[in-house]
């Protein structure tokens, strides 16, 4: 059986699809993962994936490409699968993807769909209302004939040794950035946390992408090691794996930390539900007002002056949360 799993959106979304992909891999001869460009670095970290197709879908993301007939036809001609699992978030429709898969000749397609699918789906599954993304994907996989193959926790391939970047353990990682501004703790609060963590005796490592070097330098100051722009996805996995705890918002590195088994202090803005997107499978502490006025809005920019859902969280709160997790996992 040639299986195809699709998850077309972000880095963290692809990581959370990992347990379902492993369930498919346990019964399929080969597994191809169809993902978007933002998810491709995560796809390369996942066990059970034999091949990766990267396609920038025009119905995904906030800056989608225009619809191009040539690109669509090329994708249809490239897909070679008997069975497909279309993974989406609770607010997304799988039907555009399912239509392309049908045109590509895929015989069996399964997805969660509230919309009537016509002949596009062989398994029209309904996800549980409050299921975490990991659990929802596993439930769909089981409904399609792929029961869980293991404990169902996010995992990645063994990361490289990054001691040359971080220096010796122990240390705590602080990741201040987020792909969505409404989900980010303020730079000032992050800098205070780096200072207070260092003052409490923790060695602090600050991480961030290539476009976040100014942010990580500001947050690290003279109190922390600044690795901004110095880690790709695999290297970041190694850095997170060596940490005693990771402090970050609801963004990809939170899920990457969980995938390498590191506890997470999650600065979680409630613009999306924590029950669906919190760190999964590891000890965690959730900080942030989950009943703030922005709750459930899916806002990218904070709609409430002062960003109260997160900026009411103090550096002292973060230090206490880190030490609570370290005490639990000692």
Protein backbone atom coordinates (compact mmCIF):
# COMPACT_ATOMS: atom_id res chain seq x y z
CA UNK A 1 0.00 0.00 0.00
CA UNK A 2 1.26 3.44 -0.96
CA UNK A 3 -0.07 5.93 1.58
CA UNK A 4 -0.15 9.70 1.46
CA UNK A 5 -0.69 11.93 4.51
CA UNK A 6 -1.33 15.63 3.99
CA UNK A 7 -0.81 18.45 6.48
CA UNK A 8 -0.47 21.66 4.54
CA UNK A 9 0.05 24.38 7.15
CA UNK A 10 2.75 25.18 9.72
CA UNK A 11 5.81 23.66 11.40
CA UNK A 12 4.00 22.87 14.62
CA UNK A 13 0.99 21.40 12.82
CA UNK A 14 3.22 18.93 11.00
CA UNK A 15 4.92 17.90 14.24
CA UNK A 16 1.53 17.22 15.83
CA UNK A 17 0.63 15.00 12.85
CA UNK A 18 3.62 12.78 13.64
CA UNK A 19 1.84 10.15 15.79
CA UNK A 20 -0.86 9.65 13.13
CA UNK A 21 1.83 9.38 10.45
CA UNK A 22 3.54 6.63 12.47
CA UNK A 23 0.21 4.80 12.72
CA UNK A 24 -0.09 4.88 8.93
CA UNK A 25 3.55 3.85 8.50
CA UNK A 26 3.00 0.75 10.64
CA UNK A 27 0.58 -0.67 8.02
CA UNK A 28 1.64 0.95 4.74
CA UNK A 29 4.53 -0.04 2.50
CA UNK A 30 5.50 3.59 1.95
CA UNK A 31 4.34 6.93 3.37
CA UNK A 32 4.59 10.22 1.51
CA UNK A 33 3.90 13.41 3.44
CA UNK A 34 2.39 16.27 1.43
CA UNK A 35 3.07 19.51 3.30
CA UNK A 36 3.48 23.23 2.77
CA UNK A 37 6.78 25.11 2.73
CA UNK A 38 6.42 26.23 6.35
CA UNK A 39 5.90 22.65 7.48
CA UNK A 40 8.66 21.08 5.37
CA UNK A 41 11.47 21.52 7.96
CA UNK A 42 9.35 19.65 10.49
CA UNK A 43 8.46 16.96 7.95
CA UNK A 44 12.14 16.14 7.55
CA UNK A 45 12.36 15.36 11.27
CA UNK A 46 9.51 12.85 11.46
CA UNK A 47 9.92 9.08 11.81
CA UNK A 48 7.87 7.01 9.38
CA UNK A 49 8.09 9.39 6.42
CA UNK A 50 9.62 7.89 3.27
CA UNK A 51 9.13 10.82 0.91
CA UNK A 52 8.07 14.47 1.16
CA UNK A 53 6.10 16.53 -1.35
CA UNK A 54 6.13 20.28 -0.71
CA UNK A 55 3.32 22.35 -2.18
CA UNK A 56 2.17 25.84 -1.29
CA UNK A 57 -1.62 25.41 -1.31
CA UNK A 58 -3.64 28.49 -2.30
CA UNK A 59 -6.23 27.84 0.44
CA UNK A 60 -3.75 27.72 3.34
CA UNK A 61 -2.02 30.51 5.24
CA UNK A 62 -2.43 34.26 5.34
CA UNK A 63 -0.28 35.00 2.28
CA UNK A 64 -1.36 32.18 -0.05
CA UNK A 65 -0.13 32.04 -3.63
CA UNK A 66 -2.52 32.64 -6.54
CA UNK A 67 -4.23 29.61 -8.00
CA UNK A 68 -2.12 28.30 -10.86
CA UNK A 69 -3.45 25.63 -13.18
CA UNK A 70 0.03 24.48 -14.09
CA UNK A 71 1.07 24.02 -10.45
CA UNK A 72 -2.12 22.12 -9.69
CA UNK A 73 -1.67 19.83 -12.69
CA UNK A 74 1.97 19.18 -11.77
CA UNK A 75 0.95 18.17 -8.26
CA UNK A 76 -1.78 15.87 -9.58
CA UNK A 77 0.71 14.23 -11.93
CA UNK A 78 3.27 13.79 -9.11
CA UNK A 79 1.05 12.15 -6.50
CA UNK A 80 1.33 8.36 -6.48
CA UNK A 81 -0.75 6.81 -3.71
CA UNK A 82 -3.55 4.30 -3.13
CA UNK A 83 -4.69 5.68 0.22
CA UNK A 84 -4.67 9.19 1.69
CA UNK A 85 -5.30 10.78 5.06
CA UNK A 86 -6.09 14.51 4.93
CA UNK A 87 -5.21 16.14 8.25
CA UNK A 88 -6.59 19.60 8.99
CA UNK A 89 -7.29 21.80 11.99
CA UNK A 90 -10.83 21.99 13.33
CA UNK A 91 -11.60 25.18 11.36
CA UNK A 92 -10.21 24.01 8.00
CA UNK A 93 -11.93 22.10 5.20
CA UNK A 94 -10.18 19.03 3.76
CA UNK A 95 -12.26 19.08 0.58
CA UNK A 96 -9.99 21.14 -1.74
CA UNK A 97 -7.16 18.72 -0.98
CA UNK A 98 -9.46 15.72 -1.37
CA UNK A 99 -10.56 16.92 -4.81
CA UNK A 100 -6.94 17.08 -6.01
CA UNK A 101 -6.22 13.64 -4.56
CA UNK A 102 -9.23 12.20 -6.38
CA UNK A 103 -8.04 13.77 -9.63
CA UNK A 104 -4.63 12.20 -8.93
CA UNK A 105 -6.28 8.77 -8.82
CA UNK A 106 -6.15 8.10 -5.08
CA UNK A 107 -8.70 5.34 -4.43
CA UNK A 108 -9.30 5.76 -0.70
CA UNK A 109 -9.40 9.14 1.09
CA UNK A 110 -10.25 9.85 4.74
CA UNK A 111 -10.68 13.19 6.49
CA UNK A 112 -12.56 15.03 9.21
CA UNK A 113 -15.29 17.00 7.47
CA UNK A 114 -18.33 18.87 8.72
CA UNK A 115 -19.16 19.79 5.11
CA UNK A 116 -20.91 17.29 2.86
CA UNK A 117 -18.09 15.67 0.85
CA UNK A 118 -20.01 14.10 -2.02
CA UNK A 119 -17.76 11.52 -3.64
CA UNK A 120 -14.54 13.15 -2.41
CA UNK A 121 -14.21 11.11 0.78
CA UNK A 122 -14.49 7.39 1.50
CA UNK A 123 -14.31 8.01 5.25
CA UNK A 124 -16.06 11.17 6.44
CA UNK A 125 -15.06 11.36 10.08
CA UNK A 126 -16.25 13.82 12.74
CA UNK A 127 -13.60 14.88 15.23
CA UNK A 128 -14.42 15.05 18.93
CA UNK A 129 -15.31 18.66 19.85
CA UNK A 130 -12.49 19.28 22.33
CA UNK A 131 -9.82 16.87 21.10
CA UNK A 132 -6.19 17.89 21.04
CA UNK A 133 -4.75 18.04 17.51
CA UNK A 134 -2.65 14.94 18.19
CA UNK A 135 -5.67 12.97 19.41
CA UNK A 136 -7.88 14.17 16.57
CA UNK A 137 -5.36 13.03 13.97
CA UNK A 138 -4.96 9.65 15.68
CA UNK A 139 -8.74 9.21 15.84
CA UNK A 140 -9.03 9.90 12.12
CA UNK A 141 -6.20 7.50 11.33
CA UNK A 142 -7.90 4.75 13.33
CA UNK A 143 -11.22 5.38 11.59
CA UNK A 144 -9.36 4.95 8.28
CA UNK A 145 -7.93 1.60 9.36
CA UNK A 146 -4.65 2.71 10.95
CA UNK A 147 -4.81 2.10 14.72
CA UNK A 148 -2.15 3.67 16.98
CA UNK A 149 1.24 2.03 16.59
CA UNK A 150 2.75 3.24 19.88
CA UNK A 151 2.06 5.58 22.81
CA UNK A 152 0.93 8.36 20.46
CA UNK A 153 3.32 11.06 21.67
CA UNK A 154 5.01 13.49 19.26
CA UNK A 155 8.50 12.36 18.30
CA UNK A 156 11.30 13.33 15.95
CA UNK A 157 14.34 11.52 14.61
CA UNK A 158 17.36 11.65 16.93
CA UNK A 159 18.70 15.21 16.82
CA UNK A 160 22.39 16.09 16.40
CA UNK A 161 24.66 16.79 19.34
CA UNK A 162 24.51 20.55 19.91
CA UNK A 163 26.83 20.85 22.92
CA UNK A 164 29.17 22.86 20.70
CA UNK A 165 26.45 25.49 20.38
CA UNK A 166 25.01 25.48 23.89
CA UNK A 167 27.98 24.61 26.05
CA UNK A 168 27.49 22.13 28.89
CA UNK A 169 24.19 21.25 30.50
CA UNK A 170 22.16 22.13 32.52
CA UNK A 171 20.40 25.08 30.94
CA UNK A 172 16.93 26.50 30.31
CA UNK A 173 15.82 27.60 26.83
CA UNK A 174 13.86 30.81 26.34
CA UNK A 175 12.31 31.16 22.87
CA UNK A 176 10.73 34.63 22.65
CA UNK A 177 9.44 34.70 19.08
CA UNK A 178 6.19 33.46 17.56
CA UNK A 179 4.93 33.29 13.99
CA UNK A 180 1.73 35.06 15.08
CA UNK A 181 2.29 38.35 17.00
CA UNK A 182 -0.78 37.85 19.20
CA UNK A 183 0.82 34.69 20.61
CA UNK A 184 4.12 36.31 21.62
CA UNK A 185 5.09 37.52 25.09
CA UNK A 186 6.49 41.04 24.92
CA UNK A 187 10.25 41.46 24.37
CA UNK A 188 10.49 43.41 27.63
CA UNK A 189 8.88 40.62 29.62
CA UNK A 190 11.13 38.06 27.90
CA UNK A 191 14.24 40.08 28.78
CA UNK A 192 13.08 40.30 32.40
CA UNK A 193 12.61 36.53 32.44
CA UNK A 194 16.13 35.94 31.09
CA UNK A 195 17.51 38.21 33.82
CA UNK A 196 15.47 36.61 36.61
CA UNK A 197 16.18 33.05 35.49
CA UNK A 198 19.90 33.83 35.47
CA UNK A 199 19.62 35.51 38.88
CA UNK A 200 17.94 32.35 40.19
CA UNK A 201 20.99 30.34 39.14
CA UNK A 202 19.88 28.96 35.79
CA UNK A 203 22.01 29.13 32.68
CA UNK A 204 19.76 30.57 29.97
CA UNK A 205 19.95 29.89 26.22
CA UNK A 206 17.85 32.12 23.95
CA UNK A 207 16.78 30.71 20.58
CA UNK A 208 15.16 32.22 17.50
CA UNK A 209 15.08 32.16 13.73
CA UNK A 210 17.28 34.03 11.29
CA UNK A 211 14.83 36.94 11.18
CA UNK A 212 14.71 37.24 14.97
CA UNK A 213 18.33 38.09 15.74
CA UNK A 214 17.51 41.59 17.03
CA UNK A 215 14.84 40.13 19.30
CA UNK A 216 17.04 37.36 20.70
CA UNK A 217 19.95 39.76 21.27
CA UNK A 218 17.66 42.10 23.21
CA UNK A 219 16.22 39.26 25.30
CA UNK A 220 19.59 37.64 26.02
CA UNK A 221 21.33 40.87 26.97
CA UNK A 222 24.34 40.04 29.13
CA UNK A 223 22.47 37.36 31.08
CA UNK A 224 22.03 34.60 28.50
CA UNK A 225 23.59 32.84 25.53
CA UNK A 226 22.11 34.15 22.28
CA UNK A 227 21.63 31.47 19.60
CA UNK A 228 19.33 33.58 17.44
CA UNK A 229 19.67 32.59 13.78
CA UNK A 230 22.18 29.84 14.53
CA UNK A 231 19.95 26.76 14.48
CA UNK A 232 18.04 25.00 11.75
CA UNK A 233 15.18 22.69 12.69
CA UNK A 234 17.40 19.70 13.52
CA UNK A 235 19.86 21.79 15.52
CA UNK A 236 17.02 23.45 17.40
CA UNK A 237 15.70 20.00 18.29
CA UNK A 238 19.12 19.17 19.73
CA UNK A 239 19.24 22.39 21.75
CA UNK A 240 15.75 21.79 23.14
CA UNK A 241 16.52 18.15 23.91
CA UNK A 242 19.42 19.21 26.15
CA UNK A 243 17.35 21.70 28.14
CA UNK A 244 15.84 21.15 31.58
CA UNK A 245 12.82 23.20 30.47
CA UNK A 246 11.73 25.37 27.55
CA UNK A 247 9.88 28.68 27.94
CA UNK A 248 7.97 29.69 24.82
CA UNK A 249 4.65 30.78 23.42
CA UNK A 250 2.17 28.73 21.41
CA UNK A 251 4.50 28.26 18.47
CA UNK A 252 6.42 25.50 16.70
CA UNK A 253 9.29 25.19 19.21
CA UNK A 254 6.78 24.36 21.97
CA UNK A 255 5.76 21.27 20.00
CA UNK A 256 9.36 20.50 19.05
CA UNK A 257 10.31 20.61 22.74
CA UNK A 258 7.51 18.14 23.48
CA UNK A 259 8.68 15.92 20.63
CA UNK A 260 12.14 15.62 22.21
CA UNK A 261 10.66 15.04 25.68
CA UNK A 262 11.49 18.38 27.31
CA UNK A 263 9.01 20.02 29.75
CA UNK A 264 7.46 23.28 28.55
CA UNK A 265 6.42 26.51 30.24
CA UNK A 266 3.78 27.57 27.74
CA UNK A 267 2.96 31.28 27.50
CA UNK A 268 -0.35 30.56 25.87
CA UNK A 269 -2.48 33.34 24.36
CA UNK A 270 -6.08 32.05 24.18
CA UNK A 271 -6.70 33.20 20.59
CA UNK A 272 -6.85 29.45 19.90
CA UNK A 273 -7.94 26.87 22.50
CA UNK A 274 -5.23 25.47 24.75
CA UNK A 275 -7.07 22.16 24.94
CA UNK A 276 -6.31 21.66 21.24
CA UNK A 277 -2.85 23.22 20.98
CA UNK A 278 -1.03 22.91 24.33
CA UNK A 279 2.26 20.99 24.52
CA UNK A 280 1.36 17.31 24.30
CA UNK A 281 2.91 14.31 26.01
CA UNK A 282 5.29 16.13 28.39
CA UNK A 283 4.94 17.95 31.73
CA UNK A 284 3.92 21.56 31.13
CA UNK A 285 2.75 24.68 32.92
CA UNK A 286 0.25 26.88 31.10
CA UNK A 287 0.59 30.63 31.78
CA UNK A 288 -1.71 33.34 30.44
CA UNK A 289 -5.31 34.36 30.99
CA UNK A 290 -7.33 31.74 29.11
CA UNK A 291 -10.55 33.71 29.66
CA UNK A 292 -9.29 36.99 28.14
CA UNK A 293 -11.56 38.84 25.68
CA UNK A 294 -9.52 37.56 22.73
CA UNK A 295 -10.29 33.92 23.56
CA UNK A 296 -11.16 31.86 20.50
CA UNK A 297 -10.79 34.79 18.11
CA UNK A 298 -7.87 33.28 16.11
CA UNK A 299 -6.54 36.86 15.96
CA UNK A 300 -3.05 37.38 14.58
CA UNK A 301 -2.66 40.85 16.10
CA UNK A 302 -3.80 41.33 19.69
CA UNK A 303 -7.26 42.95 19.60
CA UNK A 304 -7.06 44.13 23.24
CA UNK A 305 -4.84 47.12 24.23
CA UNK A 306 -1.86 46.09 26.35
CA UNK A 307 -1.99 42.40 25.40
CA UNK A 308 -3.30 41.54 28.88
CA UNK A 309 -3.69 37.80 28.30
CA UNK A 310 0.11 37.42 28.30
CA UNK A 311 1.65 40.60 29.66
CA UNK A 312 -0.01 40.09 33.02
CA UNK A 313 2.37 37.12 33.30
CA UNK A 314 5.55 38.18 35.14
CA UNK A 315 9.13 37.00 35.00
CA UNK A 316 8.62 35.76 38.56
CA UNK A 317 5.76 33.56 37.33
CA UNK A 318 8.06 32.06 34.70
CA UNK A 319 10.86 31.35 37.18
CA UNK A 320 8.40 29.62 39.50
CA UNK A 321 6.98 27.56 36.61
CA UNK A 322 10.45 26.48 35.44
CA UNK A 323 11.43 25.41 38.93
CA UNK A 324 8.13 23.58 39.41
CA UNK A 325 8.75 21.54 36.26
CA UNK A 326 12.36 20.87 37.18
CA UNK A 327 11.24 19.67 40.60
CA UNK A 328 8.69 17.32 39.06
CA UNK A 329 11.16 15.81 36.60
CA UNK A 330 14.24 15.62 38.85
